[in-house]
Amino acid sequence: MGAETLEVLKRRKQHRLASGVVQRNTLWAATTGFVPIPVVDSAATVAVQLKMLAELSDVYGVAFNKSSGKSVIAALTACITSGVLGRALLGTGIFANLAKVMPVVGSALSIVTMPGFNAAFTYALGRVFQQHYAAGGTMADFDAKKAEAEFRQKFKDGLKFDQDGKTA
């Protein structure tokens, strides 16, 4: 086998492994939406997302830095909560977190909305980083502003995944 063939096989294996990492952690993130305690659910979701970024970094042989990962998650959260899409999310993730403090009704609302929001966000984060790393990027050179449009699209894809019950 030639060097080119080996490189193609290596990339295919990385893609397959990375896709599994994203799918597995998307499902874990969805389950964090069932945690009934405000702040604890968000901390659990971020922990899953950081774990996913670390696993993707391992797949692609890229150095992972936890504080950089937190910064990326915060920057992409800002991207998704701004503009028209952000207003639509008031009925999902953000509202659901605030609603948890209301007895009974708040918990019921959050159980309906948070798993989908957490899964879609984690799916988008994973897919954006999968593409970034596959293109030779690192955690240090990730630019959330440049990735914003792709992240928004992957977030929408993640919401469809959640609604359809299909793998995206």
C-alpha atoms as a PDB file:
ATOM      1  CA  MET A   1       0.000   0.000   0.000  1.00  0.00           C
ATOM      2  CA  GLY A   2       1.151   3.461  -0.838  1.00  0.00           C
ATOM      3  CA  ALA A   3       1.470   6.368   1.569  1.00  0.00           C
ATOM      4  CA  GLU A   4      -1.627   8.027   0.069  1.00  0.00           C
ATOM      5  CA  THR A   5      -3.740   4.919   0.623  1.00  0.00           C
ATOM      6  CA  LEU A   6      -2.584   4.676   4.220  1.00  0.00           C
ATOM      7  CA  GLU A   7      -3.434   8.347   4.769  1.00  0.00           C
ATOM      8  CA  VAL A   8      -6.943   7.836   3.341  1.00  0.00           C
ATOM      9  CA  LEU A   9      -7.466   4.814   5.592  1.00  0.00           C
ATOM     10  CA  LYS A  10      -6.217   6.789   8.599  1.00  0.00           C
ATOM     11  CA  ARG A  11      -8.641   9.649   7.855  1.00  0.00           C
ATOM     12  CA  ARG A  12     -11.562   7.258   7.429  1.00  0.00           C
ATOM     13  CA  LYS A  13     -10.774   5.597  10.752  1.00  0.00           C
ATOM     14  CA  GLN A  14     -10.509   8.996  12.477  1.00  0.00           C
ATOM     15  CA  HIS A  15     -13.838  10.054  10.975  1.00  0.00           C
ATOM     16  CA  ARG A  16     -15.533   6.843  12.107  1.00  0.00           C
ATOM     17  CA  LEU A  17     -14.094   7.107  15.633  1.00  0.00           C
ATOM     18  CA  ALA A  18     -14.917  10.825  15.896  1.00  0.00           C
ATOM     19  CA  SER A  19     -18.488  10.260  14.706  1.00  0.00           C
ATOM     20  CA  GLY A  20     -18.924   7.651  17.438  1.00  0.00           C
ATOM     21  CA  VAL A  21     -17.542  10.084  20.033  1.00  0.00           C
ATOM     22  CA  VAL A  22     -20.002  12.775  18.934  1.00  0.00           C
ATOM     23  CA  GLN A  23     -22.995  10.457  18.843  1.00  0.00           C
ATOM     24  CA  ARG A  24     -22.246   8.869  22.226  1.00  0.00           C
ATOM     25  CA  ASN A  25     -21.693  12.211  23.970  1.00  0.00           C
ATOM     26  CA  THR A  26     -24.765  13.746  22.331  1.00  0.00           C
ATOM     27  CA  LEU A  27     -26.849  11.029  23.955  1.00  0.00           C
ATOM     28  CA  TRP A  28     -25.131  11.587  27.308  1.00  0.00           C
ATOM     29  CA  ALA A  29     -25.783  15.328  27.052  1.00  0.00           C
ATOM     30  CA  ALA A  30     -29.455  14.673  26.386  1.00  0.00           C
ATOM     31  CA  THR A  31     -29.696  12.696  29.615  1.00  0.00           C
ATOM     32  CA  THR A  32     -28.304  15.647  31.606  1.00  0.00           C
ATOM     33  CA  GLY A  33     -31.504  17.500  30.702  1.00  0.00           C
ATOM     34  CA  PHE A  34     -33.380  15.212  33.087  1.00  0.00           C
ATOM     35  CA  VAL A  35     -31.431  16.447  36.119  1.00  0.00           C
ATOM     36  CA  PRO A  36     -34.047  18.404  38.082  1.00  0.00           C
ATOM     37  CA  ILE A  37     -31.638  20.725  39.903  1.00  0.00           C
ATOM     38  CA  PRO A  38     -30.748  24.056  38.263  1.00  0.00           C
ATOM     39  CA  VAL A  39     -27.022  24.652  37.752  1.00  0.00           C
ATOM     40  CA  VAL A  40     -26.219  20.981  38.430  1.00  0.00           C
ATOM     41  CA  ASP A  41     -27.743  20.047  35.070  1.00  0.00           C
ATOM     42  CA  SER A  42     -25.721  22.746  33.293  1.00  0.00           C
ATOM     43  CA  ALA A  43     -22.513  21.648  35.022  1.00  0.00           C
ATOM     44  CA  ALA A  44     -23.191  18.056  33.974  1.00  0.00           C
ATOM     45  CA  THR A  45     -23.781  19.123  30.367  1.00  0.00           C
ATOM     46  CA  VAL A  46     -20.551  21.136  30.228  1.00  0.00           C
ATOM     47  CA  ALA A  47     -18.684  18.183  31.757  1.00  0.00           C
ATOM     48  CA  VAL A  48     -19.987  15.914  28.982  1.00  0.00           C
ATOM     49  CA  GLN A  49     -19.051  18.495  26.345  1.00  0.00           C
ATOM     50  CA  LEU A  50     -15.527  18.888  27.738  1.00  0.00           C
ATOM     51  CA  LYS A  51     -15.160  15.109  27.821  1.00  0.00           C
ATOM     52  CA  MET A  52     -16.245  14.967  24.183  1.00  0.00           C
ATOM     53  CA  LEU A  53     -13.747  17.652  23.148  1.00  0.00           C
ATOM     54  CA  ALA A  54     -10.982  15.768  24.974  1.00  0.00           C
ATOM     55  CA  GLU A  55     -11.960  12.515  23.237  1.00  0.00           C
ATOM     56  CA  LEU A  56     -12.056  14.215  19.817  1.00  0.00           C
ATOM     57  CA  SER A  57      -8.653  15.737  20.539  1.00  0.00           C
ATOM     58  CA  ASP A  58      -7.319  12.245  21.274  1.00  0.00           C
ATOM     59  CA  VAL A  59      -8.777  10.844  18.047  1.00  0.00           C
ATOM     60  CA  TYR A  60      -7.052  13.538  15.998  1.00  0.00           C
ATOM     61  CA  GLY A  61      -3.874  13.712  18.086  1.00  0.00           C
ATOM     62  CA  VAL A  62      -4.486  17.327  19.078  1.00  0.00           C
ATOM     63  CA  ALA A  63      -3.531  18.786  22.469  1.00  0.00           C
ATOM     64  CA  PHE A  64      -6.546  19.478  24.676  1.00  0.00           C
ATOM     65  CA  ASN A  65      -6.758  22.262  27.239  1.00  0.00           C
ATOM     66  CA  LYS A  66      -9.750  22.255  29.609  1.00  0.00           C
ATOM     67  CA  SER A  67      -9.844  26.036  30.046  1.00  0.00           C
ATOM     68  CA  SER A  68      -9.720  26.558  26.268  1.00  0.00           C
ATOM     69  CA  GLY A  69     -12.551  24.051  25.955  1.00  0.00           C
ATOM     70  CA  LYS A  70     -14.644  26.026  28.437  1.00  0.00           C
ATOM     71  CA  SER A  71     -13.925  29.227  26.498  1.00  0.00           C
ATOM     72  CA  VAL A  72     -15.020  27.598  23.246  1.00  0.00           C
ATOM     73  CA  ILE A  73     -18.258  26.358  24.812  1.00  0.00           C
ATOM     74  CA  ALA A  74     -18.970  29.845  26.211  1.00  0.00           C
ATOM     75  CA  ALA A  75     -18.239  31.508  22.856  1.00  0.00           C
ATOM     76  CA  LEU A  76     -20.495  29.115  20.960  1.00  0.00           C
ATOM     77  CA  THR A  77     -23.222  29.556  23.568  1.00  0.00           C
ATOM     78  CA  ALA A  78     -23.062  33.294  22.866  1.00  0.00           C
ATOM     79  CA  CYS A  79     -23.329  32.591  19.131  1.00  0.00           C
ATOM     80  CA  ILE A  80     -26.397  30.419  19.534  1.00  0.00           C
ATOM     81  CA  THR A  81     -28.229  32.700  21.961  1.00  0.00           C
ATOM     82  CA  SER A  82     -27.893  35.820  19.822  1.00  0.00           C
ATOM     83  CA  GLY A  83     -30.237  36.839  17.035  1.00  0.00           C
ATOM     84  CA  VAL A  84     -33.389  35.143  15.817  1.00  0.00           C
ATOM     85  CA  LEU A  85     -32.290  31.656  16.778  1.00  0.00           C
ATOM     86  CA  GLY A  86     -31.579  32.873  20.304  1.00  0.00           C
ATOM     87  CA  ARG A  87     -35.099  34.234  20.664  1.00  0.00           C
ATOM     88  CA  ALA A  88     -36.469  30.876  19.558  1.00  0.00           C
ATOM     89  CA  LEU A  89     -34.335  29.193  22.204  1.00  0.00           C
ATOM     90  CA  LEU A  90     -36.037  31.149  24.959  1.00  0.00           C
ATOM     91  CA  GLY A  91     -38.716  28.481  24.676  1.00  0.00           C
ATOM     92  CA  THR A  92     -36.140  25.730  25.036  1.00  0.00           C
ATOM     93  CA  GLY A  93     -32.838  25.725  26.891  1.00  0.00           C
ATOM     94  CA  ILE A  94     -32.639  29.069  28.634  1.00  0.00           C
ATOM     95  CA  PHE A  95     -36.297  29.250  29.598  1.00  0.00           C
ATOM     96  CA  ALA A  96     -36.279  25.654  30.766  1.00  0.00           C
ATOM     97  CA  ASN A  97     -33.364  26.285  33.103  1.00  0.00           C
ATOM     98  CA  LEU A  98     -35.141  29.256  34.658  1.00  0.00           C
ATOM     99  CA  ALA A  99     -38.380  27.313  34.817  1.00  0.00           C
ATOM    100  CA  LYS A 100     -36.811  24.624  37.002  1.00  0.00           C
ATOM    101  CA  VAL A 101     -37.108  26.895  40.002  1.00  0.00           C
ATOM    102  CA  MET A 102     -40.922  26.816  39.681  1.00  0.00           C
ATOM    103  CA  PRO A 103     -42.343  23.851  41.579  1.00  0.00           C
ATOM    104  CA  VAL A 104     -43.842  20.991  39.519  1.00  0.00           C
ATOM    105  CA  VAL A 105     -44.627  22.975  36.333  1.00  0.00           C
ATOM    106  CA  GLY A 106     -41.051  24.192  35.927  1.00  0.00           C
ATOM    107  CA  SER A 107     -39.594  20.725  36.274  1.00  0.00           C
ATOM    108  CA  ALA A 108     -42.072  19.346  33.766  1.00  0.00           C
ATOM    109  CA  LEU A 109     -41.227  22.086  31.242  1.00  0.00           C
ATOM    110  CA  SER A 110     -37.511  21.542  31.611  1.00  0.00           C
ATOM    111  CA  ILE A 111     -37.828  17.771  31.166  1.00  0.00           C
ATOM    112  CA  VAL A 112     -39.602  18.405  27.865  1.00  0.00           C
ATOM    113  CA  THR A 113     -37.117  20.967  26.510  1.00  0.00           C
ATOM    114  CA  MET A 114     -33.664  20.546  28.060  1.00  0.00           C
ATOM    115  CA  PRO A 115     -32.724  17.119  26.695  1.00  0.00           C
ATOM    116  CA  GLY A 116     -33.274  18.329  23.125  1.00  0.00           C
ATOM    117  CA  PHE A 117     -31.407  21.579  23.638  1.00  0.00           C
ATOM    118  CA  ASN A 118     -28.459  19.856  25.339  1.00  0.00           C
ATOM    119  CA  ALA A 119     -28.274  17.194  22.649  1.00  0.00           C
ATOM    120  CA  ALA A 120     -28.456  19.694  19.759  1.00  0.00           C
ATOM    121  CA  PHE A 121     -25.785  21.942  21.264  1.00  0.00           C
ATOM    122  CA  THR A 122     -23.460  19.029  22.007  1.00  0.00           C
ATOM    123  CA  TYR A 123     -24.021  17.548  18.548  1.00  0.00           C
ATOM    124  CA  ALA A 124     -23.181  20.891  16.894  1.00  0.00           C
ATOM    125  CA  LEU A 125     -20.101  21.382  19.065  1.00  0.00           C
ATOM    126  CA  GLY A 126     -18.848  17.893  18.259  1.00  0.00           C
ATOM    127  CA  ARG A 127     -19.442  18.126  14.518  1.00  0.00           C
ATOM    128  CA  VAL A 128     -17.801  21.556  14.257  1.00  0.00           C
ATOM    129  CA  PHE A 129     -14.734  20.303  16.108  1.00  0.00           C
ATOM    130  CA  GLN A 130     -14.670  17.090  14.117  1.00  0.00           C
ATOM    131  CA  GLN A 131     -14.453  19.172  10.922  1.00  0.00           C
ATOM    132  CA  HIS A 132     -11.959  21.609  12.461  1.00  0.00           C
ATOM    133  CA  TYR A 133      -9.608  18.855  13.600  1.00  0.00           C
ATOM    134  CA  ALA A 134      -9.964  16.899  10.349  1.00  0.00           C
ATOM    135  CA  ALA A 135      -8.834  20.022   8.488  1.00  0.00           C
ATOM    136  CA  GLY A 136      -5.687  20.161  10.638  1.00  0.00           C
ATOM    137  CA  GLY A 137      -6.942  22.667  13.192  1.00  0.00           C
ATOM    138  CA  THR A 138      -6.100  22.745  16.881  1.00  0.00           C
ATOM    139  CA  MET A 139      -7.862  23.913  20.006  1.00  0.00           C
ATOM    140  CA  ALA A 140      -5.588  26.978  20.036  1.00  0.00           C
ATOM    141  CA  ASP A 141      -6.471  28.138  16.509  1.00  0.00           C
ATOM    142  CA  PHE A 142     -10.238  27.574  16.739  1.00  0.00           C
ATOM    143  CA  ASP A 143     -12.142  30.760  15.863  1.00  0.00           C
ATOM    144  CA  ALA A 144     -15.731  30.709  17.140  1.00  0.00           C
ATOM    145  CA  LYS A 145     -16.705  33.667  14.936  1.00  0.00           C
ATOM    146  CA  LYS A 146     -15.566  31.836  11.783  1.00  0.00           C
ATOM    147  CA  ALA A 147     -17.341  28.683  12.918  1.00  0.00           C
ATOM    148  CA  GLU A 148     -20.576  30.444  13.886  1.00  0.00           C
ATOM    149  CA  ALA A 149     -22.535  29.791  10.668  1.00  0.00           C
ATOM    150  CA  GLU A 150     -21.539  26.126  10.585  1.00  0.00           C
ATOM    151  CA  PHE A 151     -22.318  25.774  14.292  1.00  0.00           C
ATOM    152  CA  ARG A 152     -25.797  27.267  13.832  1.00  0.00           C
ATOM    153  CA  GLN A 153     -26.498  24.867  10.957  1.00  0.00           C
ATOM    154  CA  LYS A 154     -25.282  21.866  12.930  1.00  0.00           C
ATOM    155  CA  PHE A 155     -27.383  23.018  15.892  1.00  0.00           C
ATOM    156  CA  LYS A 156     -30.470  23.055  13.662  1.00  0.00           C
ATOM    157  CA  ASP A 157     -29.491  19.603  12.368  1.00  0.00           C
ATOM    158  CA  GLY A 158     -29.201  18.468  15.989  1.00  0.00           C
ATOM    159  CA  LEU A 159     -32.696  19.736  16.746  1.00  0.00           C
ATOM    160  CA  LYS A 160     -34.015  17.787  13.748  1.00  0.00           C
ATOM    161  CA  PHE A 161     -32.152  14.716  15.010  1.00  0.00           C
ATOM    162  CA  ASP A 162     -33.910  15.094  18.341  1.00  0.00           C
ATOM    163  CA  GLN A 163     -37.369  15.646  16.810  1.00  0.00           C
ATOM    164  CA  ASP A 164     -37.109  12.874  14.236  1.00  0.00           C
ATOM    165  CA  GLY A 165     -35.431  10.379  16.535  1.00  0.00           C
ATOM    166  CA  LYS A 166     -32.979   9.593  13.752  1.00  0.00           C
ATOM    167  CA  THR A 167     -29.231   9.637  13.799  1.00  0.00           C
ATOM    168  CA  ALA A 168     -27.915  12.714  12.110  1.00  0.00           C
END
